[in-house]
Amino acid sequence: MRKEIKRIVPKKFLSIGLNILHNIYYLYYSQIFSPLIVRKNTSDKNVFRQIFITRDYNLNLGIKPKLIIDAGANVGYSSLWFSKKYPHSKIIAIEPENSNYEILKKHIIGIKNIIPLKAGLWYKRTRLRIINEFDEKWAFQTKENIGKKEGIKAVTIGEILKESKFKKIDILKIDIEGAEKELFSKNTDWIEKVNIIIIELHDWLIPNSSSSFYSVIKKKDWNIKKKGENLVLIRRNFLP
């Protein structure tokens, strides 16, 4: 529908046409997921557009994933998308920031295959803190709260995998605003148990933050492509 609007609507009215499209999608998904919340004057509208309109996580691979980890779940739109696309999967939605997490919990009321986890993804057990609490709702960054017992719980992929009782992660979505630099710096044995990675890298936010990610990715093991702002890696032996 987005392509059709761009094709037939004159450029001077394009923004109006795309806004109408946004409202159509909002009404549609409000019927499926109730309540569906888009906070005014926040980045929610942009996140909604990326997930439900441009469908940045739509892979069209004909797979039936069992375990999906949604790291950096924000208010839960991506988890809702995965839930609708893969209704028989278990989805673990990880979000460290309190205001986002509270909306996430409201969004998943009655949706049994999404499990919320208020935490930040890290390479070890520790405590974290938000270092830019006044930035946009989709831009919160975490940093280790060194020497402190208070703060946001940090979890590792290994811990999540063990507690889930699954042997593999079929889809690992990572959008953690530069914390990928820490996540991939140590204790990355779990990478061999992941079939698909969807990751947004943030070198523009934290210079060279992607270097640790590339250091543990053996390119010969993956088919790699770009989709929207994300890098999609599909393990070569996963698909028929």
C-alpha atoms as a PDB file:
ATOM      1  CA  MET A   1       0.000   0.000   0.000  1.00  0.00           C
ATOM      2  CA  ARG A   2       2.878   2.382   0.787  1.00  0.00           C
ATOM      3  CA  LYS A   3       4.309   1.861  -2.714  1.00  0.00           C
ATOM      4  CA  GLU A   4       0.905   2.487  -4.282  1.00  0.00           C
ATOM      5  CA  ILE A   5       0.479   5.757  -2.405  1.00  0.00           C
ATOM      6  CA  LYS A   6       3.928   6.911  -3.561  1.00  0.00           C
ATOM      7  CA  ARG A   7       3.037   5.959  -7.140  1.00  0.00           C
ATOM      8  CA  ILE A   8      -0.321   7.690  -7.445  1.00  0.00           C
ATOM      9  CA  VAL A   9      -0.195  10.590  -4.953  1.00  0.00           C
ATOM     10  CA  PRO A  10       1.485  13.847  -6.130  1.00  0.00           C
ATOM     11  CA  LYS A  11       4.634  14.666  -4.164  1.00  0.00           C
ATOM     12  CA  LYS A  12       3.154  17.783  -2.613  1.00  0.00           C
ATOM     13  CA  PHE A  13       0.403  15.635  -1.044  1.00  0.00           C
ATOM     14  CA  LEU A  14       2.644  12.643  -0.265  1.00  0.00           C
ATOM     15  CA  SER A  15       3.022  13.396   3.437  1.00  0.00           C
ATOM     16  CA  ILE A  16      -0.775  13.599   3.752  1.00  0.00           C
ATOM     17  CA  GLY A  17      -1.167  10.267   1.967  1.00  0.00           C
ATOM     18  CA  LEU A  18       1.414   8.556   4.157  1.00  0.00           C
ATOM     19  CA  ASN A  19      -0.201  10.007   7.283  1.00  0.00           C
ATOM     20  CA  ILE A  20      -3.546   8.560   6.166  1.00  0.00           C
ATOM     21  CA  LEU A  21      -1.804   5.229   5.650  1.00  0.00           C
ATOM     22  CA  HIS A  22      -0.369   5.447   9.164  1.00  0.00           C
ATOM     23  CA  ASN A  23      -3.843   6.017  10.611  1.00  0.00           C
ATOM     24  CA  ILE A  24      -5.274   3.095   8.624  1.00  0.00           C
ATOM     25  CA  TYR A  25      -2.589   0.795   9.989  1.00  0.00           C
ATOM     26  CA  TYR A  26      -3.092   2.168  13.499  1.00  0.00           C
ATOM     27  CA  LEU A  27      -6.822   1.425  13.385  1.00  0.00           C
ATOM     28  CA  TYR A  28      -6.160  -2.029  11.939  1.00  0.00           C
ATOM     29  CA  TYR A  29      -3.665  -3.040  14.589  1.00  0.00           C
ATOM     30  CA  SER A  30      -5.778  -1.454  17.333  1.00  0.00           C
ATOM     31  CA  GLN A  31      -8.431  -4.016  16.479  1.00  0.00           C
ATOM     32  CA  ILE A  32      -5.918  -6.849  16.762  1.00  0.00           C
ATOM     33  CA  PHE A  33      -4.008  -5.664  19.819  1.00  0.00           C
ATOM     34  CA  SER A  34      -6.116  -3.900  22.393  1.00  0.00           C
ATOM     35  CA  PRO A  35      -5.059  -1.555  23.850  1.00  0.00           C
ATOM     36  CA  LEU A  36      -2.575  -0.206  21.311  1.00  0.00           C
ATOM     37  CA  ILE A  37      -0.801   2.890  22.597  1.00  0.00           C
ATOM     38  CA  VAL A  38       1.113   5.498  20.603  1.00  0.00           C
ATOM     39  CA  ARG A  39       2.247   8.252  22.957  1.00  0.00           C
ATOM     40  CA  LYS A  40       2.042  11.820  21.674  1.00  0.00           C
ATOM     41  CA  ASN A  41       5.235  13.752  21.009  1.00  0.00           C
ATOM     42  CA  THR A  42       7.439  10.695  21.348  1.00  0.00           C
ATOM     43  CA  SER A  43       9.312   8.379  19.000  1.00  0.00           C
ATOM     44  CA  ASP A  44       6.463   5.813  19.265  1.00  0.00           C
ATOM     45  CA  LYS A  45       5.041   6.913  15.923  1.00  0.00           C
ATOM     46  CA  ASN A  46       8.371   6.277  14.194  1.00  0.00           C
ATOM     47  CA  VAL A  47       8.755   2.860  15.827  1.00  0.00           C
ATOM     48  CA  PHE A  48       5.174   2.000  14.836  1.00  0.00           C
ATOM     49  CA  ARG A  49       5.916   2.981  11.231  1.00  0.00           C
ATOM     50  CA  GLN A  50       9.078   0.883  11.057  1.00  0.00           C
ATOM     51  CA  ILE A  51       7.409  -2.233  12.409  1.00  0.00           C
ATOM     52  CA  PHE A  52       3.841  -2.191  11.140  1.00  0.00           C
ATOM     53  CA  ILE A  53       4.032  -0.104   7.952  1.00  0.00           C
ATOM     54  CA  THR A  54       7.483  -0.652   6.443  1.00  0.00           C
ATOM     55  CA  ARG A  55       7.639  -4.057   8.215  1.00  0.00           C
ATOM     56  CA  ASP A  56      11.327  -4.057   8.985  1.00  0.00           C
ATOM     57  CA  TYR A  57      11.078  -7.451  10.719  1.00  0.00           C
ATOM     58  CA  ASN A  58       9.104  -9.217   8.017  1.00  0.00           C
ATOM     59  CA  LEU A  59      11.531 -11.836   6.686  1.00  0.00           C
ATOM     60  CA  ASN A  60       9.169 -13.954   4.550  1.00  0.00           C
ATOM     61  CA  LEU A  61      11.196 -17.111   5.087  1.00  0.00           C
ATOM     62  CA  GLY A  62       8.363 -19.584   5.667  1.00  0.00           C
ATOM     63  CA  ILE A  63       9.774 -20.592   9.049  1.00  0.00           C
ATOM     64  CA  LYS A  64       8.087 -21.613  12.308  1.00  0.00           C
ATOM     65  CA  PRO A  65      10.368 -20.280  15.041  1.00  0.00           C
ATOM     66  CA  LYS A  66      10.045 -21.727  18.529  1.00  0.00           C
ATOM     67  CA  LEU A  67      11.992 -19.133  20.518  1.00  0.00           C
ATOM     68  CA  ILE A  68      12.311 -15.421  19.708  1.00  0.00           C
ATOM     69  CA  ILE A  69      14.247 -12.955  21.841  1.00  0.00           C
ATOM     70  CA  ASP A  70      13.279  -9.316  21.356  1.00  0.00           C
ATOM     71  CA  ALA A  71      16.123  -7.327  22.920  1.00  0.00           C
ATOM     72  CA  GLY A  72      15.300  -3.643  23.080  1.00  0.00           C
ATOM     73  CA  ALA A  73      11.574  -4.297  22.881  1.00  0.00           C
ATOM     74  CA  ASN A  74      10.689  -0.646  23.603  1.00  0.00           C
ATOM     75  CA  VAL A  75       6.876  -0.518  24.059  1.00  0.00           C
ATOM     76  CA  GLY A  76       6.383  -3.956  22.553  1.00  0.00           C
ATOM     77  CA  TYR A  77       5.408  -3.244  18.933  1.00  0.00           C
ATOM     78  CA  SER A  78       8.082  -5.622  17.647  1.00  0.00           C
ATOM     79  CA  SER A  79       6.981  -8.343  20.057  1.00  0.00           C
ATOM     80  CA  LEU A  80       3.376  -7.869  18.937  1.00  0.00           C
ATOM     81  CA  TRP A  81       4.503  -8.169  15.327  1.00  0.00           C
ATOM     82  CA  PHE A  82       6.356 -11.399  16.030  1.00  0.00           C
ATOM     83  CA  SER A  83       3.382 -12.706  17.995  1.00  0.00           C
ATOM     84  CA  LYS A  84       1.024 -12.133  15.074  1.00  0.00           C
ATOM     85  CA  LYS A  85       3.487 -13.484  12.510  1.00  0.00           C
ATOM     86  CA  TYR A  86       4.523 -16.509  14.591  1.00  0.00           C
ATOM     87  CA  PRO A  87       1.636 -17.292  16.975  1.00  0.00           C
ATOM     88  CA  HIS A  88       3.137 -20.595  18.127  1.00  0.00           C
ATOM     89  CA  SER A  89       6.483 -19.131  19.185  1.00  0.00           C
ATOM     90  CA  LYS A  90       7.640 -18.091  22.642  1.00  0.00           C
ATOM     91  CA  ILE A  91       8.750 -14.446  22.653  1.00  0.00           C
ATOM     92  CA  ILE A  92      10.892 -12.949  25.409  1.00  0.00           C
ATOM     93  CA  ALA A  93      10.607  -9.147  25.308  1.00  0.00           C
ATOM     94  CA  ILE A  94      13.504  -7.386  27.048  1.00  0.00           C
ATOM     95  CA  GLU A  95      13.276  -3.679  27.864  1.00  0.00           C
ATOM     96  CA  PRO A  96      15.321  -1.804  30.515  1.00  0.00           C
ATOM     97  CA  GLU A  97      13.583   1.585  30.655  1.00  0.00           C
ATOM     98  CA  ASN A  98      10.644   1.899  33.029  1.00  0.00           C
ATOM     99  CA  SER A  99       8.190   4.065  31.031  1.00  0.00           C
ATOM    100  CA  ASN A 100       8.619   1.897  27.918  1.00  0.00           C
ATOM    101  CA  TYR A 101       8.303  -1.278  29.969  1.00  0.00           C
ATOM    102  CA  GLU A 102       5.025  -0.157  31.552  1.00  0.00           C
ATOM    103  CA  ILE A 103       3.494   0.412  28.097  1.00  0.00           C
ATOM    104  CA  LEU A 104       4.895  -2.929  26.918  1.00  0.00           C
ATOM    105  CA  LYS A 105       3.073  -4.705  29.770  1.00  0.00           C
ATOM    106  CA  LYS A 106      -0.204  -3.027  28.817  1.00  0.00           C
ATOM    107  CA  HIS A 107       0.248  -4.059  25.184  1.00  0.00           C
ATOM    108  CA  ILE A 108       0.679  -7.746  25.944  1.00  0.00           C
ATOM    109  CA  ILE A 109      -2.275  -8.207  28.281  1.00  0.00           C
ATOM    110  CA  GLY A 110      -3.926 -11.464  27.263  1.00  0.00           C
ATOM    111  CA  ILE A 111      -1.136 -12.426  24.842  1.00  0.00           C
ATOM    112  CA  LYS A 112       0.265 -15.556  26.402  1.00  0.00           C
ATOM    113  CA  ASN A 113       3.258 -16.176  24.148  1.00  0.00           C
ATOM    114  CA  ILE A 114       5.001 -12.879  25.018  1.00  0.00           C
ATOM    115  CA  ILE A 115       6.995 -12.862  28.256  1.00  0.00           C
ATOM    116  CA  PRO A 116       8.158  -9.396  29.420  1.00  0.00           C
ATOM    117  CA  LEU A 117      11.522  -8.984  31.114  1.00  0.00           C
ATOM    118  CA  LYS A 118      12.581  -5.668  32.643  1.00  0.00           C
ATOM    119  CA  ALA A 119      16.312  -5.836  32.124  1.00  0.00           C
ATOM    120  CA  GLY A 120      19.172  -4.791  29.907  1.00  0.00           C
ATOM    121  CA  LEU A 121      21.088  -7.228  27.733  1.00  0.00           C
ATOM    122  CA  TRP A 122      24.763  -7.510  28.699  1.00  0.00           C
ATOM    123  CA  TYR A 123      27.651  -9.956  28.602  1.00  0.00           C
ATOM    124  CA  LYS A 124      27.532 -10.673  32.371  1.00  0.00           C
ATOM    125  CA  ARG A 125      25.348 -10.350  35.417  1.00  0.00           C
ATOM    126  CA  THR A 126      25.579  -6.835  36.787  1.00  0.00           C
ATOM    127  CA  ARG A 127      23.498  -3.703  37.332  1.00  0.00           C
ATOM    128  CA  LEU A 128      22.931  -1.023  34.697  1.00  0.00           C
ATOM    129  CA  ARG A 129      21.691   2.544  34.524  1.00  0.00           C
ATOM    130  CA  ILE A 130      20.111   4.721  31.843  1.00  0.00           C
ATOM    131  CA  ILE A 131      22.571   7.457  30.891  1.00  0.00           C
ATOM    132  CA  ASN A 132      20.284   9.597  28.705  1.00  0.00           C
ATOM    133  CA  GLU A 133      16.905   9.551  30.438  1.00  0.00           C
ATOM    134  CA  PHE A 134      15.719  12.766  28.747  1.00  0.00           C
ATOM    135  CA  ASP A 135      16.293  11.581  25.166  1.00  0.00           C
ATOM    136  CA  GLU A 136      13.700  10.112  22.800  1.00  0.00           C
ATOM    137  CA  LYS A 137      11.884   7.020  24.032  1.00  0.00           C
ATOM    138  CA  TRP A 138      13.589   4.799  21.444  1.00  0.00           C
ATOM    139  CA  ALA A 139      17.101   6.026  22.191  1.00  0.00           C
ATOM    140  CA  PHE A 140      17.771   5.042  25.799  1.00  0.00           C
ATOM    141  CA  GLN A 141      21.329   3.849  26.401  1.00  0.00           C
ATOM    142  CA  THR A 142      22.546   1.678  29.258  1.00  0.00           C
ATOM    143  CA  LYS A 143      25.844   1.664  31.068  1.00  0.00           C
ATOM    144  CA  GLU A 144      27.185  -0.568  33.818  1.00  0.00           C
ATOM    145  CA  ASN A 145      26.484   0.759  37.305  1.00  0.00           C
ATOM    146  CA  ILE A 146      29.944  -0.250  38.515  1.00  0.00           C
ATOM    147  CA  GLY A 147      30.176  -1.120  42.198  1.00  0.00           C
ATOM    148  CA  LYS A 148      26.473  -0.508  42.813  1.00  0.00           C
ATOM    149  CA  LYS A 149      23.823  -3.014  43.874  1.00  0.00           C
ATOM    150  CA  GLU A 150      20.936  -0.824  42.755  1.00  0.00           C
ATOM    151  CA  GLY A 151      19.901  -0.176  39.176  1.00  0.00           C
ATOM    152  CA  ILE A 152      18.520  -2.146  36.247  1.00  0.00           C
ATOM    153  CA  LYS A 153      19.141  -5.877  36.187  1.00  0.00           C
ATOM    154  CA  ALA A 154      21.456  -7.061  33.426  1.00  0.00           C
ATOM    155  CA  VAL A 155      20.827 -10.452  31.824  1.00  0.00           C
ATOM    156  CA  THR A 156      22.888 -12.539  29.434  1.00  0.00           C
ATOM    157  CA  ILE A 157      21.759 -14.473  26.373  1.00  0.00           C
ATOM    158  CA  GLY A 158      23.088 -17.627  28.013  1.00  0.00           C
ATOM    159  CA  GLU A 159      20.884 -17.112  31.078  1.00  0.00           C
ATOM    160  CA  ILE A 160      17.793 -16.478  29.005  1.00  0.00           C
ATOM    161  CA  LEU A 161      18.412 -19.524  26.858  1.00  0.00           C
ATOM    162  CA  LYS A 162      18.939 -21.737  29.900  1.00  0.00           C
ATOM    163  CA  GLU A 163      15.826 -20.508  31.711  1.00  0.00           C
ATOM    164  CA  SER A 164      13.690 -20.833  28.580  1.00  0.00           C
ATOM    165  CA  LYS A 165      14.635 -24.537  28.334  1.00  0.00           C
ATOM    166  CA  PHE A 166      15.126 -24.186  24.569  1.00  0.00           C
ATOM    167  CA  LYS A 167      18.270 -25.455  22.876  1.00  0.00           C
ATOM    168  CA  LYS A 168      18.204 -22.840  20.096  1.00  0.00           C
ATOM    169  CA  ILE A 169      17.181 -19.233  19.542  1.00  0.00           C
ATOM    170  CA  ASP A 170      15.456 -19.101  16.180  1.00  0.00           C
ATOM    171  CA  ILE A 171      15.246 -15.296  15.972  1.00  0.00           C
ATOM    172  CA  LEU A 172      17.371 -12.916  18.021  1.00  0.00           C
ATOM    173  CA  LYS A 173      16.380  -9.303  17.425  1.00  0.00           C
ATOM    174  CA  ILE A 174      18.812  -6.755  18.893  1.00  0.00           C
ATOM    175  CA  ASP A 175      18.221  -3.004  19.001  1.00  0.00           C
ATOM    176  CA  ILE A 176      19.989  -1.881  22.167  1.00  0.00           C
ATOM    177  CA  GLU A 177      21.373   1.543  21.256  1.00  0.00           C
ATOM    178  CA  GLY A 178      25.078   0.746  21.223  1.00  0.00           C
ATOM    179  CA  ALA A 179      25.138  -1.824  24.042  1.00  0.00           C
ATOM    180  CA  GLU A 180      25.982  -4.386  21.345  1.00  0.00           C
ATOM    181  CA  LYS A 181      29.562  -3.238  21.950  1.00  0.00           C
ATOM    182  CA  GLU A 182      29.408  -4.798  25.427  1.00  0.00           C
ATOM    183  CA  LEU A 183      27.141  -7.715  24.539  1.00  0.00           C
ATOM    184  CA  PHE A 184      29.529  -9.133  21.955  1.00  0.00           C
ATOM    185  CA  SER A 185      32.744  -8.292  23.827  1.00  0.00           C
ATOM    186  CA  LYS A 186      32.874 -11.436  26.010  1.00  0.00           C
ATOM    187  CA  ASN A 187      31.058 -14.706  26.735  1.00  0.00           C
ATOM    188  CA  THR A 188      29.674 -15.177  23.221  1.00  0.00           C
ATOM    189  CA  ASP A 189      29.513 -18.978  23.042  1.00  0.00           C
ATOM    190  CA  TRP A 190      25.732 -18.654  22.702  1.00  0.00           C
ATOM    191  CA  ILE A 191      26.166 -17.330  19.149  1.00  0.00           C
ATOM    192  CA  GLU A 192      26.404 -20.923  17.901  1.00  0.00           C
ATOM    193  CA  LYS A 193      22.857 -21.508  19.156  1.00  0.00           C
ATOM    194  CA  VAL A 194      21.248 -18.682  17.160  1.00  0.00           C
ATOM    195  CA  ASN A 195      19.672 -19.272  13.742  1.00  0.00           C
ATOM    196  CA  ILE A 196      18.680 -15.715  12.739  1.00  0.00           C
ATOM    197  CA  ILE A 197      20.006 -12.390  14.019  1.00  0.00           C
ATOM    198  CA  ILE A 198      18.270  -9.098  13.245  1.00  0.00           C
ATOM    199  CA  ILE A 199      20.442  -6.285  14.568  1.00  0.00           C
ATOM    200  CA  GLU A 200      20.639  -2.514  14.302  1.00  0.00           C
ATOM    201  CA  LEU A 201      24.226  -1.364  14.735  1.00  0.00           C
ATOM    202  CA  HIS A 202      24.949   2.047  16.237  1.00  0.00           C
ATOM    203  CA  ASP A 203      28.392   3.197  15.130  1.00  0.00           C
ATOM    204  CA  TRP A 204      26.875   6.630  14.518  1.00  0.00           C
ATOM    205  CA  LEU A 205      25.931   6.744  18.212  1.00  0.00           C
ATOM    206  CA  ILE A 206      28.957   5.013  19.729  1.00  0.00           C
ATOM    207  CA  PRO A 207      31.909   4.974  17.299  1.00  0.00           C
ATOM    208  CA  ASN A 208      33.175   1.456  16.530  1.00  0.00           C
ATOM    209  CA  SER A 209      30.458  -0.137  18.664  1.00  0.00           C
ATOM    210  CA  SER A 210      29.926  -2.719  15.911  1.00  0.00           C
ATOM    211  CA  SER A 211      33.529  -3.961  16.014  1.00  0.00           C
ATOM    212  CA  SER A 212      32.847  -6.475  18.795  1.00  0.00           C
ATOM    213  CA  PHE A 213      29.869  -7.807  16.841  1.00  0.00           C
ATOM    214  CA  TYR A 214      31.879  -8.373  13.667  1.00  0.00           C
ATOM    215  CA  SER A 215      34.702  -9.956  15.661  1.00  0.00           C
ATOM    216  CA  VAL A 216      32.490 -12.911  16.664  1.00  0.00           C
ATOM    217  CA  ILE A 217      30.575 -13.314  13.391  1.00  0.00           C
ATOM    218  CA  LYS A 218      32.115 -15.842  11.024  1.00  0.00           C
ATOM    219  CA  LYS A 219      30.792 -14.601   7.707  1.00  0.00           C
ATOM    220  CA  LYS A 220      31.095 -18.004   6.062  1.00  0.00           C
ATOM    221  CA  ASP A 221      28.419 -19.300   8.464  1.00  0.00           C
ATOM    222  CA  TRP A 222      25.794 -16.693   7.559  1.00  0.00           C
ATOM    223  CA  ASN A 223      23.790 -15.264   4.699  1.00  0.00           C
ATOM    224  CA  ILE A 224      23.818 -11.518   5.366  1.00  0.00           C
ATOM    225  CA  LYS A 225      21.548  -8.832   3.967  1.00  0.00           C
ATOM    226  CA  LYS A 226      20.327  -5.334   4.820  1.00  0.00           C
ATOM    227  CA  LYS A 227      16.690  -4.636   5.603  1.00  0.00           C
ATOM    228  CA  GLY A 228      15.734  -1.102   6.583  1.00  0.00           C
ATOM    229  CA  GLU A 229      18.081  -0.015   9.355  1.00  0.00           C
ATOM    230  CA  ASN A 230      18.806  -3.615  10.303  1.00  0.00           C
ATOM    231  CA  LEU A 231      21.395  -6.187   9.362  1.00  0.00           C
ATOM    232  CA  VAL A 232      19.815  -9.633   8.948  1.00  0.00           C
ATOM    233  CA  LEU A 233      21.978 -12.710   9.394  1.00  0.00           C
ATOM    234  CA  ILE A 234      20.549 -16.137   8.546  1.00  0.00           C
ATOM    235  CA  ARG A 235      22.597 -19.200   9.416  1.00  0.00           C
ATOM    236  CA  ARG A 236      23.383 -21.049   6.209  1.00  0.00           C
ATOM    237  CA  ASN A 237      22.362 -24.467   7.496  1.00  0.00           C
ATOM    238  CA  PHE A 238      19.103 -23.232   9.034  1.00  0.00           C
ATOM    239  CA  LEU A 239      16.976 -22.907   5.895  1.00  0.00           C
ATOM    240  CA  PRO A 240      16.350 -25.772   3.468  1.00  0.00           C
END
